[in-house]
């Protein structure tokens, strides 16, 4: 499998480390209940099909990436810097910042 790093170009997946599903949002720090932290750390869906995953390019630019991959075929659709994905999550669809909790 080859991953197209936005900074280094196409590379073998051996240069990367897999972290897991990129969808879960971390609960808010000390405000989070033990149950919420348990669910965040240990509970993951294991679905077949297209999924967004976190990968670390440790043998290259050392960037965290969000890779959209089909778990049935390993075909990679999109690769984006995790920082850009996180910034996009922080903005609501209307383009304003989310409300404080």
PDB file of N, CA and C in Angstrom:
ATOM      1  N   UNK A   1       0.849  -1.171   0.000  1.00  0.00           N
ATOM      2  CA  UNK A   1       0.000   0.000   0.000  1.00  0.00           C
ATOM      3  C   UNK A   1       0.898   1.239   0.000  1.00  0.00           C
ATOM      4  N   UNK A   2       0.526   2.223  -0.769  1.00  0.00           N
ATOM      5  CA  UNK A   2       1.277   3.465  -0.859  1.00  0.00           C
ATOM      6  C   UNK A   2       0.390   4.603  -0.374  1.00  0.00           C
ATOM      7  N   UNK A   3       0.993   5.526   0.369  1.00  0.00           N
ATOM      8  CA  UNK A   3       0.273   6.680   0.902  1.00  0.00           C
ATOM      9  C   UNK A   3       0.892   7.939   0.310  1.00  0.00           C
ATOM     10  N   UNK A   4       0.032   8.821  -0.195  1.00  0.00           N
ATOM     11  CA  UNK A   4       0.479  10.066  -0.813  1.00  0.00           C
ATOM     12  C   UNK A   4       0.557  11.148   0.264  1.00  0.00           C
ATOM     13  N   UNK A   5       1.745  11.348   0.828  1.00  0.00           N
ATOM     14  CA  UNK A   5       1.961  12.374   1.839  1.00  0.00           C
ATOM     15  C   UNK A   5       1.874  13.744   1.155  1.00  0.00           C
ATOM     16  N   UNK A   6       1.125  14.700   1.742  1.00  0.00           N
ATOM     17  CA  UNK A   6       1.019  16.016   1.115  1.00  0.00           C
ATOM     18  C   UNK A   6       2.342  16.774   1.098  1.00  0.00           C
ATOM     19  N   UNK A   7       3.300  16.361   1.928  1.00  0.00           N
ATOM     20  CA  UNK A   7       4.581  17.061   2.006  1.00  0.00           C
ATOM     21  C   UNK A   7       5.705  16.326   1.272  1.00  0.00           C
ATOM     22  N   UNK A   8       5.677  14.994   1.292  1.00  0.00           N
ATOM     23  CA  UNK A   8       6.792  14.197   0.758  1.00  0.00           C
ATOM     24  C   UNK A   8       6.462  13.460  -0.535  1.00  0.00           C
ATOM     25  N   UNK A   9       5.198  13.445  -0.934  1.00  0.00           N
ATOM     26  CA  UNK A   9       4.802  12.692  -2.110  1.00  0.00           C
ATOM     27  C   UNK A   9       4.431  11.265  -1.748  1.00  0.00           C
ATOM     28  N   UNK A  10       4.296  10.422  -2.754  1.00  0.00           N
ATOM     29  CA  UNK A  10       3.867   9.039  -2.541  1.00  0.00           C
ATOM     30  C   UNK A  10       4.978   8.222  -1.893  1.00  0.00           C
ATOM     31  N   UNK A  11       4.613   7.504  -0.810  1.00  0.00           N
ATOM     32  CA  UNK A  11       5.579   6.711  -0.050  1.00  0.00           C
ATOM     33  C   UNK A  11       4.976   5.358   0.303  1.00  0.00           C
ATOM     34  N   UNK A  12       5.853   4.392   0.612  1.00  0.00           N
ATOM     35  CA  UNK A  12       5.421   3.072   1.059  1.00  0.00           C
ATOM     36  C   UNK A  12       4.835   3.195   2.459  1.00  0.00           C
ATOM     37  N   UNK A  13       3.816   2.395   2.758  1.00  0.00           N
ATOM     38  CA  UNK A  13       3.176   2.498   4.070  1.00  0.00           C
ATOM     39  C   UNK A  13       4.101   2.113   5.219  1.00  0.00           C
ATOM     40  N   UNK A  14       5.230   1.469   4.935  1.00  0.00           N
ATOM     41  CA  UNK A  14       6.194   1.137   5.982  1.00  0.00           C
ATOM     42  C   UNK A  14       6.823   2.365   6.631  1.00  0.00           C
ATOM     43  N   UNK A  15       6.718   3.516   5.982  1.00  0.00           N
ATOM     44  CA  UNK A  15       7.249   4.760   6.543  1.00  0.00           C
ATOM     45  C   UNK A  15       6.291   5.371   7.566  1.00  0.00           C
ATOM     46  N   UNK A  16       5.082   4.823   7.656  1.00  0.00           N
ATOM     47  CA  UNK A  16       4.033   5.400   8.480  1.00  0.00           C
ATOM     48  C   UNK A  16       3.662   4.488   9.640  1.00  0.00           C
ATOM     49  N   UNK A  17       3.130   5.080  10.695  1.00  0.00           N
ATOM     50  CA  UNK A  17       2.555   4.330  11.815  1.00  0.00           C
ATOM     51  C   UNK A  17       1.065   4.618  11.851  1.00  0.00           C
ATOM     52  N   UNK A  18       0.284   3.564  12.044  1.00  0.00           N
ATOM     53  CA  UNK A  18      -1.178   3.666  12.069  1.00  0.00           C
ATOM     54  C   UNK A  18      -1.647   3.905  13.495  1.00  0.00           C
ATOM     55  N   UNK A  19      -2.517   4.897  13.696  1.00  0.00           N
ATOM     56  CA  UNK A  19      -3.057   5.128  15.034  1.00  0.00           C
ATOM     57  C   UNK A  19      -4.470   4.585  15.177  1.00  0.00           C
ATOM     58  N   UNK A  20      -5.322   4.808  14.186  1.00  0.00           N
ATOM     59  CA  UNK A  20      -6.692   4.318  14.276  1.00  0.00           C
ATOM     60  C   UNK A  20      -7.682   5.293  13.667  1.00  0.00           C
ATOM     61  N   UNK A  21      -8.944   5.096  14.016  1.00  0.00           N
ATOM     62  CA  UNK A  21     -10.048   5.889  13.496  1.00  0.00           C
ATOM     63  C   UNK A  21      -9.866   7.358  13.869  1.00  0.00           C
ATOM     64  N   UNK A  22     -10.022   8.248  12.898  1.00  0.00           N
ATOM     65  CA  UNK A  22      -9.850   9.685  13.130  1.00  0.00           C
ATOM     66  C   UNK A  22     -11.140  10.362  13.557  1.00  0.00           C
ATOM     67  N   UNK A  23     -12.250   9.637  13.615  1.00  0.00           N
ATOM     68  CA  UNK A  23     -13.542  10.250  13.895  1.00  0.00           C
ATOM     69  C   UNK A  23     -13.784  10.636  15.356  1.00  0.00           C
ATOM     70  N   UNK A  24     -13.368   9.828  16.333  1.00  0.00           N
ATOM     71  CA  UNK A  24     -13.717  10.166  17.717  1.00  0.00           C
ATOM     72  C   UNK A  24     -13.151  11.521  18.144  1.00  0.00           C
ATOM     73  N   UNK A  25     -13.980  12.281  18.849  1.00  0.00           N
ATOM     74  CA  UNK A  25     -13.549  13.563  19.407  1.00  0.00           C
ATOM     75  C   UNK A  25     -13.248  13.374  20.886  1.00  0.00           C
ATOM     76  N   UNK A  26     -12.109  13.847  21.318  1.00  0.00           N
ATOM     77  CA  UNK A  26     -11.707  13.699  22.703  1.00  0.00           C
ATOM     78  C   UNK A  26     -12.625  14.516  23.605  1.00  0.00           C
ATOM     79  N   UNK A  27     -13.080  13.922  24.716  1.00  0.00           N
ATOM     80  CA  UNK A  27     -13.889  14.686  25.675  1.00  0.00           C
ATOM     81  C   UNK A  27     -13.074  15.832  26.276  1.00  0.00           C
ATOM     82  N   UNK A  28     -13.765  16.849  26.786  1.00  0.00           N
ATOM     83  CA  UNK A  28     -13.101  18.029  27.335  1.00  0.00           C
ATOM     84  C   UNK A  28     -12.386  17.735  28.650  1.00  0.00           C
ATOM     85  N   UNK A  29     -11.092  17.569  28.592  1.00  0.00           N
ATOM     86  CA  UNK A  29     -10.176  17.456  29.726  1.00  0.00           C
ATOM     87  C   UNK A  29     -10.729  16.988  31.046  1.00  0.00           C
ATOM     88  N   UNK A  30     -10.511  17.784  32.071  1.00  0.00           N
ATOM     89  CA  UNK A  30     -10.882  17.424  33.432  1.00  0.00           C
ATOM     90  C   UNK A  30     -12.395  17.432  33.642  1.00  0.00           C
ATOM     91  N   UNK A  31     -13.127  18.006  32.726  1.00  0.00           N
ATOM     92  CA  UNK A  31     -14.583  18.051  32.825  1.00  0.00           C
ATOM     93  C   UNK A  31     -15.206  16.703  32.438  1.00  0.00           C
ATOM     94  N   UNK A  32     -14.459  15.868  31.729  1.00  0.00           N
ATOM     95  CA  UNK A  32     -14.994  14.609  31.210  1.00  0.00           C
ATOM     96  C   UNK A  32     -15.169  13.581  32.326  1.00  0.00           C
ATOM     97  N   UNK A  33     -16.244  12.816  32.209  1.00  0.00           N
ATOM     98  CA  UNK A  33     -16.489  11.749  33.180  1.00  0.00           C
ATOM     99  C   UNK A  33     -15.569  10.570  32.865  1.00  0.00           C
ATOM    100  N   UNK A  34     -15.308   9.722  33.853  1.00  0.00           N
ATOM    101  CA  UNK A  34     -14.510   8.522  33.579  1.00  0.00           C
ATOM    102  C   UNK A  34     -15.130   7.649  32.495  1.00  0.00           C
ATOM    103  N   UNK A  35     -16.453   7.581  32.453  1.00  0.00           N
ATOM    104  CA  UNK A  35     -17.127   6.782  31.430  1.00  0.00           C
ATOM    105  C   UNK A  35     -16.875   7.346  30.029  1.00  0.00           C
ATOM    106  N   UNK A  36     -16.916   8.671  29.911  1.00  0.00           N
ATOM    107  CA  UNK A  36     -16.679   9.305  28.609  1.00  0.00           C
ATOM    108  C   UNK A  36     -15.242   9.067  28.141  1.00  0.00           C
ATOM    109  N   UNK A  37     -14.274   9.137  29.063  1.00  0.00           N
ATOM    110  CA  UNK A  37     -12.878   8.887  28.698  1.00  0.00           C
ATOM    111  C   UNK A  37     -12.672   7.419  28.329  1.00  0.00           C
ATOM    112  N   UNK A  38     -13.310   6.512  29.064  1.00  0.00           N
ATOM    113  CA  UNK A  38     -13.219   5.088  28.752  1.00  0.00           C
ATOM    114  C   UNK A  38     -13.728   4.836  27.339  1.00  0.00           C
ATOM    115  N   UNK A  39     -14.896   5.374  27.027  1.00  0.00           N
ATOM    116  CA  UNK A  39     -15.479   5.186  25.700  1.00  0.00           C
ATOM    117  C   UNK A  39     -14.565   5.756  24.614  1.00  0.00           C
ATOM    118  N   UNK A  40     -13.983   6.926  24.862  1.00  0.00           N
ATOM    119  CA  UNK A  40     -13.096   7.565  23.882  1.00  0.00           C
ATOM    120  C   UNK A  40     -11.846   6.710  23.630  1.00  0.00           C
ATOM    121  N   UNK A  41     -11.265   6.187  24.694  1.00  0.00           N
ATOM    122  CA  UNK A  41     -10.012   5.436  24.571  1.00  0.00           C
ATOM    123  C   UNK A  41     -10.221   4.022  24.022  1.00  0.00           C
ATOM    124  N   UNK A  42     -11.261   3.331  24.478  1.00  0.00           N
ATOM    125  CA  UNK A  42     -11.371   1.902  24.194  1.00  0.00           C
ATOM    126  C   UNK A  42     -12.440   1.478  23.189  1.00  0.00           C
ATOM    127  N   UNK A  43     -13.482   2.253  23.008  1.00  0.00           N
ATOM    128  CA  UNK A  43     -14.585   1.803  22.155  1.00  0.00           C
ATOM    129  C   UNK A  43     -14.467   2.398  20.753  1.00  0.00           C
ATOM    130  N   UNK A  44     -14.378   1.535  19.772  1.00  0.00           N
ATOM    131  CA  UNK A  44     -14.274   1.951  18.372  1.00  0.00           C
ATOM    132  C   UNK A  44     -15.185   1.085  17.520  1.00  0.00           C
ATOM    133  N   UNK A  45     -15.749   1.698  16.482  1.00  0.00           N
ATOM    134  CA  UNK A  45     -16.492   0.925  15.492  1.00  0.00           C
ATOM    135  C   UNK A  45     -15.495   0.192  14.617  1.00  0.00           C
ATOM    136  N   UNK A  46     -15.861  -0.995  14.182  1.00  0.00           N
ATOM    137  CA  UNK A  46     -15.015  -1.773  13.287  1.00  0.00           C
ATOM    138  C   UNK A  46     -15.825  -2.067  12.025  1.00  0.00           C
ATOM    139  N   UNK A  47     -16.072  -1.008  11.265  1.00  0.00           N
ATOM    140  CA  UNK A  47     -16.941  -1.158  10.108  1.00  0.00           C
ATOM    141  C   UNK A  47     -16.131  -1.355   8.832  1.00  0.00           C
ATOM    142  N   UNK A  48     -16.741  -2.031   7.894  1.00  0.00           N
ATOM    143  CA  UNK A  48     -16.121  -2.230   6.590  1.00  0.00           C
ATOM    144  C   UNK A  48     -16.480  -1.057   5.693  1.00  0.00           C
ATOM    145  N   UNK A  49     -15.546  -0.661   4.862  1.00  0.00           N
ATOM    146  CA  UNK A  49     -15.801   0.426   3.924  1.00  0.00           C
ATOM    147  C   UNK A  49     -14.861   1.591   4.152  1.00  0.00           C
ATOM    148  N   UNK A  50     -15.266   2.742   3.647  1.00  0.00           N
ATOM    149  CA  UNK A  50     -14.421   3.932   3.725  1.00  0.00           C
ATOM    150  C   UNK A  50     -14.409   4.487   5.142  1.00  0.00           C
ATOM    151  N   UNK A  51     -13.212   4.771   5.625  1.00  0.00           N
ATOM    152  CA  UNK A  51     -13.026   5.282   6.976  1.00  0.00           C
ATOM    153  C   UNK A  51     -11.868   6.277   6.961  1.00  0.00           C
ATOM    154  N   UNK A  52     -11.946   7.266   7.845  1.00  0.00           N
ATOM    155  CA  UNK A  52     -10.851   8.230   7.981  1.00  0.00           C
ATOM    156  C   UNK A  52      -9.981   7.777   9.149  1.00  0.00           C
ATOM    157  N   UNK A  53      -8.677   7.659   8.896  1.00  0.00           N
ATOM    158  CA  UNK A  53      -7.743   7.116   9.883  1.00  0.00           C
ATOM    159  C   UNK A  53      -6.599   8.102  10.129  1.00  0.00           C
ATOM    160  N   UNK A  54      -6.020   8.011  11.304  1.00  0.00           N
ATOM    161  CA  UNK A  54      -4.825   8.802  11.625  1.00  0.00           C
ATOM    162  C   UNK A  54      -3.580   7.979  11.343  1.00  0.00           C
ATOM    163  N   UNK A  55      -2.635   8.565  10.610  1.00  0.00           N
ATOM    164  CA  UNK A  55      -1.355   7.950  10.312  1.00  0.00           C
ATOM    165  C   UNK A  55      -0.261   8.965  10.617  1.00  0.00           C
ATOM    166  N   UNK A  56       0.874   8.479  11.111  1.00  0.00           N
ATOM    167  CA  UNK A  56       2.028   9.330  11.429  1.00  0.00           C
ATOM    168  C   UNK A  56       3.166   8.997  10.478  1.00  0.00           C
ATOM    169  N   UNK A  57       3.707  10.003   9.800  1.00  0.00           N
ATOM    170  CA  UNK A  57       4.793   9.770   8.841  1.00  0.00           C
ATOM    171  C   UNK A  57       6.139   9.874   9.573  1.00  0.00           C
ATOM    172  N   UNK A  58       6.437   8.869  10.371  1.00  0.00           N
ATOM    173  CA  UNK A  58       7.618   8.853  11.218  1.00  0.00           C
ATOM    174  C   UNK A  58       8.933   8.753  10.475  1.00  0.00           C
ATOM    175  N   UNK A  59       8.958   8.091   9.326  1.00  0.00           N
ATOM    176  CA  UNK A  59      10.206   7.931   8.566  1.00  0.00           C
ATOM    177  C   UNK A  59      10.324   8.995   7.481  1.00  0.00           C
ATOM    178  N   UNK A  60       9.512  10.021   7.593  1.00  0.00           N
ATOM    179  CA  UNK A  60       9.546  11.101   6.603  1.00  0.00           C
ATOM    180  C   UNK A  60       9.470  12.445   7.297  1.00  0.00           C
ATOM    181  N   UNK A  61       8.431  13.196   6.993  1.00  0.00           N
ATOM    182  CA  UNK A  61       8.293  14.569   7.490  1.00  0.00           C
ATOM    183  C   UNK A  61       7.785  14.657   8.924  1.00  0.00           C
ATOM    184  N   UNK A  62       7.417  13.533   9.512  1.00  0.00           N
ATOM    185  CA  UNK A  62       6.908  13.443  10.882  1.00  0.00           C
ATOM    186  C   UNK A  62       5.583  14.174  11.078  1.00  0.00           C
ATOM    187  N   UNK A  63       4.799  14.230  10.028  1.00  0.00           N
ATOM    188  CA  UNK A  63       3.482  14.867  10.107  1.00  0.00           C
ATOM    189  C   UNK A  63       2.411  13.835  10.441  1.00  0.00           C
ATOM    190  N   UNK A  64       1.386  14.279  11.157  1.00  0.00           N
ATOM    191  CA  UNK A  64       0.187  13.473  11.372  1.00  0.00           C
ATOM    192  C   UNK A  64      -0.742  13.727  10.209  1.00  0.00           C
ATOM    193  N   UNK A  65      -1.306  12.658   9.647  1.00  0.00           N
ATOM    194  CA  UNK A  65      -2.162  12.754   8.474  1.00  0.00           C
ATOM    195  C   UNK A  65      -3.487  12.058   8.726  1.00  0.00           C
ATOM    196  N   UNK A  66      -4.540  12.559   8.092  1.00  0.00           N
ATOM    197  CA  UNK A  66      -5.825  11.880   8.078  1.00  0.00           C
ATOM    198  C   UNK A  66      -5.954  11.245   6.699  1.00  0.00           C
ATOM    199  N   UNK A  67      -5.994   9.918   6.686  1.00  0.00           N
ATOM    200  CA  UNK A  67      -6.044   9.153   5.441  1.00  0.00           C
ATOM    201  C   UNK A  67      -7.435   8.547   5.306  1.00  0.00           C
ATOM    202  N   UNK A  68      -8.095   8.806   4.179  1.00  0.00           N
ATOM    203  CA  UNK A  68      -9.377   8.189   3.894  1.00  0.00           C
ATOM    204  C   UNK A  68      -9.092   6.914   3.116  1.00  0.00           C
ATOM    205  N   UNK A  69      -9.434   5.754   3.741  1.00  0.00           N
ATOM    206  CA  UNK A  69      -9.078   4.459   3.171  1.00  0.00           C
ATOM    207  C   UNK A  69     -10.267   3.521   3.225  1.00  0.00           C
ATOM    208  N   UNK A  70     -10.420   2.714   2.190  1.00  0.00           N
ATOM    209  CA  UNK A  70     -11.453   1.679   2.171  1.00  0.00           C
ATOM    210  C   UNK A  70     -10.854   0.441   2.841  1.00  0.00           C
ATOM    211  N   UNK A  71     -11.435   0.023   3.948  1.00  0.00           N
ATOM    212  CA  UNK A  71     -10.876  -1.104   4.705  1.00  0.00           C
ATOM    213  C   UNK A  71     -11.045  -2.440   3.996  1.00  0.00           C
ATOM    214  N   UNK A  72     -11.915  -2.498   2.979  1.00  0.00           N
ATOM    215  CA  UNK A  72     -12.102  -3.751   2.239  1.00  0.00           C
ATOM    216  C   UNK A  72     -11.035  -3.934   1.164  1.00  0.00           C
ATOM    217  N   UNK A  73     -10.620  -2.838   0.529  1.00  0.00           N
ATOM    218  CA  UNK A  73      -9.692  -2.926  -0.601  1.00  0.00           C
ATOM    219  C   UNK A  73      -8.340  -2.270  -0.324  1.00  0.00           C
ATOM    220  N   UNK A  74      -8.247  -1.497   0.747  1.00  0.00           N
ATOM    221  CA  UNK A  74      -7.074  -0.692   1.108  1.00  0.00           C
ATOM    222  C   UNK A  74      -6.821   0.457   0.131  1.00  0.00           C
ATOM    223  N   UNK A  75      -7.794   0.749  -0.723  1.00  0.00           N
ATOM    224  CA  UNK A  75      -7.666   1.876  -1.653  1.00  0.00           C
ATOM    225  C   UNK A  75      -7.735   3.182  -0.870  1.00  0.00           C
ATOM    226  N   UNK A  76      -6.803   4.067  -1.140  1.00  0.00           N
ATOM    227  CA  UNK A  76      -6.740   5.348  -0.452  1.00  0.00           C
ATOM    228  C   UNK A  76      -7.354   6.421  -1.339  1.00  0.00           C
ATOM    229  N   UNK A  77      -8.323   7.132  -0.779  1.00  0.00           N
ATOM    230  CA  UNK A  77      -9.003   8.167  -1.531  1.00  0.00           C
ATOM    231  C   UNK A  77      -8.410   9.542  -1.326  1.00  0.00           C
ATOM    232  N   UNK A  78      -8.172   9.922  -0.075  1.00  0.00           N
ATOM    233  CA  UNK A  78      -7.701  11.272   0.224  1.00  0.00           C
ATOM    234  C   UNK A  78      -6.711  11.219   1.379  1.00  0.00           C
ATOM    235  N   UNK A  79      -5.779  12.162   1.371  1.00  0.00           N
ATOM    236  CA  UNK A  79      -4.831  12.321   2.474  1.00  0.00           C
ATOM    237  C   UNK A  79      -4.748  13.812   2.769  1.00  0.00           C
ATOM    238  N   UNK A  80      -4.918  14.170   4.042  1.00  0.00           N
ATOM    239  CA  UNK A  80      -4.857  15.579   4.434  1.00  0.00           C
ATOM    240  C   UNK A  80      -4.073  15.709   5.730  1.00  0.00           C
ATOM    241  N   UNK A  81      -3.378  16.835   5.915  1.00  0.00           N
ATOM    242  CA  UNK A  81      -2.708  17.059   7.196  1.00  0.00           C
ATOM    243  C   UNK A  81      -3.737  17.071   8.329  1.00  0.00           C
ATOM    244  N   UNK A  82      -3.452  16.381   9.419  1.00  0.00           N
ATOM    245  CA  UNK A  82      -4.387  16.297  10.540  1.00  0.00           C
ATOM    246  C   UNK A  82      -4.679  17.688  11.105  1.00  0.00           C
ATOM    247  N   UNK A  83      -3.712  18.569  11.066  1.00  0.00           N
ATOM    248  CA  UNK A  83      -3.910  19.931  11.567  1.00  0.00           C
ATOM    249  C   UNK A  83      -5.033  20.629  10.792  1.00  0.00           C
ATOM    250  N   UNK A  84      -5.042  20.476   9.470  1.00  0.00           N
ATOM    251  CA  UNK A  84      -6.077  21.096   8.653  1.00  0.00           C
ATOM    252  C   UNK A  84      -7.453  20.501   8.946  1.00  0.00           C
ATOM    253  N   UNK A  85      -7.499  19.196   9.154  1.00  0.00           N
ATOM    254  CA  UNK A  85      -8.765  18.528   9.474  1.00  0.00           C
ATOM    255  C   UNK A  85      -9.276  19.007  10.826  1.00  0.00           C
ATOM    256  N   UNK A  86      -8.383  19.141  11.807  1.00  0.00           N
ATOM    257  CA  UNK A  86      -8.777  19.597  13.141  1.00  0.00           C
ATOM    258  C   UNK A  86      -9.278  21.040  13.089  1.00  0.00           C
ATOM    259  N   UNK A  87      -8.633  21.884  12.312  1.00  0.00           N
ATOM    260  CA  UNK A  87      -9.081  23.280  12.186  1.00  0.00           C
ATOM    261  C   UNK A  87     -10.457  23.341  11.535  1.00  0.00           C
ATOM    262  N   UNK A  88     -10.700  22.511  10.537  1.00  0.00           N
ATOM    263  CA  UNK A  88     -11.999  22.484   9.868  1.00  0.00           C
ATOM    264  C   UNK A  88     -13.090  21.998  10.814  1.00  0.00           C
ATOM    265  N   UNK A  89     -12.758  21.078  11.724  1.00  0.00           N
ATOM    266  CA  UNK A  89     -13.729  20.580  12.701  1.00  0.00           C
ATOM    267  C   UNK A  89     -14.123  21.670  13.686  1.00  0.00           C
ATOM    268  N   UNK A  90     -13.209  22.589  13.963  1.00  0.00           N
ATOM    269  CA  UNK A  90     -13.441  23.620  14.966  1.00  0.00           C
ATOM    270  C   UNK A  90     -14.382  24.709  14.472  1.00  0.00           C
ATOM    271  N   UNK A  91     -14.715  24.692  13.202  1.00  0.00           N
ATOM    272  CA  UNK A  91     -15.600  25.695  12.625  1.00  0.00           C
ATOM    273  C   UNK A  91     -16.931  25.033  12.280  1.00  0.00           C
ATOM    274  N   UNK A  92     -18.015  25.671  12.651  1.00  0.00           N
ATOM    275  CA  UNK A  92     -19.332  25.125  12.334  1.00  0.00           C
ATOM    276  C   UNK A  92     -19.609  25.275  10.846  1.00  0.00           C
ATOM    277  N   UNK A  93     -20.583  24.552  10.293  1.00  0.00           N
ATOM    278  CA  UNK A  93     -20.891  24.654   8.866  1.00  0.00           C
ATOM    279  C   UNK A  93     -21.214  26.075   8.418  1.00  0.00           C
ATOM    280  N   UNK A  94     -21.741  26.912   9.311  1.00  0.00           N
ATOM    281  CA  UNK A  94     -22.067  28.289   8.944  1.00  0.00           C
ATOM    282  C   UNK A  94     -20.815  29.151   8.858  1.00  0.00           C
ATOM    283  N   UNK A  95     -19.673  28.622   9.308  1.00  0.00           N
ATOM    284  CA  UNK A  95     -18.414  29.347   9.205  1.00  0.00           C
ATOM    285  C   UNK A  95     -18.046  30.112  10.463  1.00  0.00           C
ATOM    286  N   UNK A  96     -18.790  29.941  11.552  1.00  0.00           N
ATOM    287  CA  UNK A  96     -18.457  30.626  12.780  1.00  0.00           C
ATOM    288  C   UNK A  96     -17.872  29.634  13.770  1.00  0.00           C
ATOM    289  N   UNK A  97     -17.232  30.167  14.790  1.00  0.00           N
ATOM    290  CA  UNK A  97     -16.632  29.297  15.803  1.00  0.00           C
ATOM    291  C   UNK A  97     -17.728  28.623  16.612  1.00  0.00           C
ATOM    292  N   UNK A  98     -17.470  27.405  17.105  1.00  0.00           N
ATOM    293  CA  UNK A  98     -18.489  26.719  17.906  1.00  0.00           C
ATOM    294  C   UNK A  98     -18.698  27.416  19.228  1.00  0.00           C
ATOM    295  N   UNK A  99     -19.851  27.184  19.825  1.00  0.00           N
ATOM    296  CA  UNK A  99     -20.175  27.790  21.115  1.00  0.00           C
ATOM    297  C   UNK A  99     -19.359  27.133  22.230  1.00  0.00           C
ATOM    298  N   UNK A 100     -18.983  27.928  23.209  1.00  0.00           N
ATOM    299  CA  UNK A 100     -18.263  27.387  24.361  1.00  0.00           C
ATOM    300  C   UNK A 100     -19.213  26.514  25.169  1.00  0.00           C
ATOM    301  N   UNK A 101     -18.660  25.495  25.813  1.00  0.00           N
ATOM    302  CA  UNK A 101     -19.510  24.586  26.615  1.00  0.00           C
ATOM    303  C   UNK A 101     -19.585  25.046  28.028  1.00  0.00           C
TER     304      UNK A 101
END
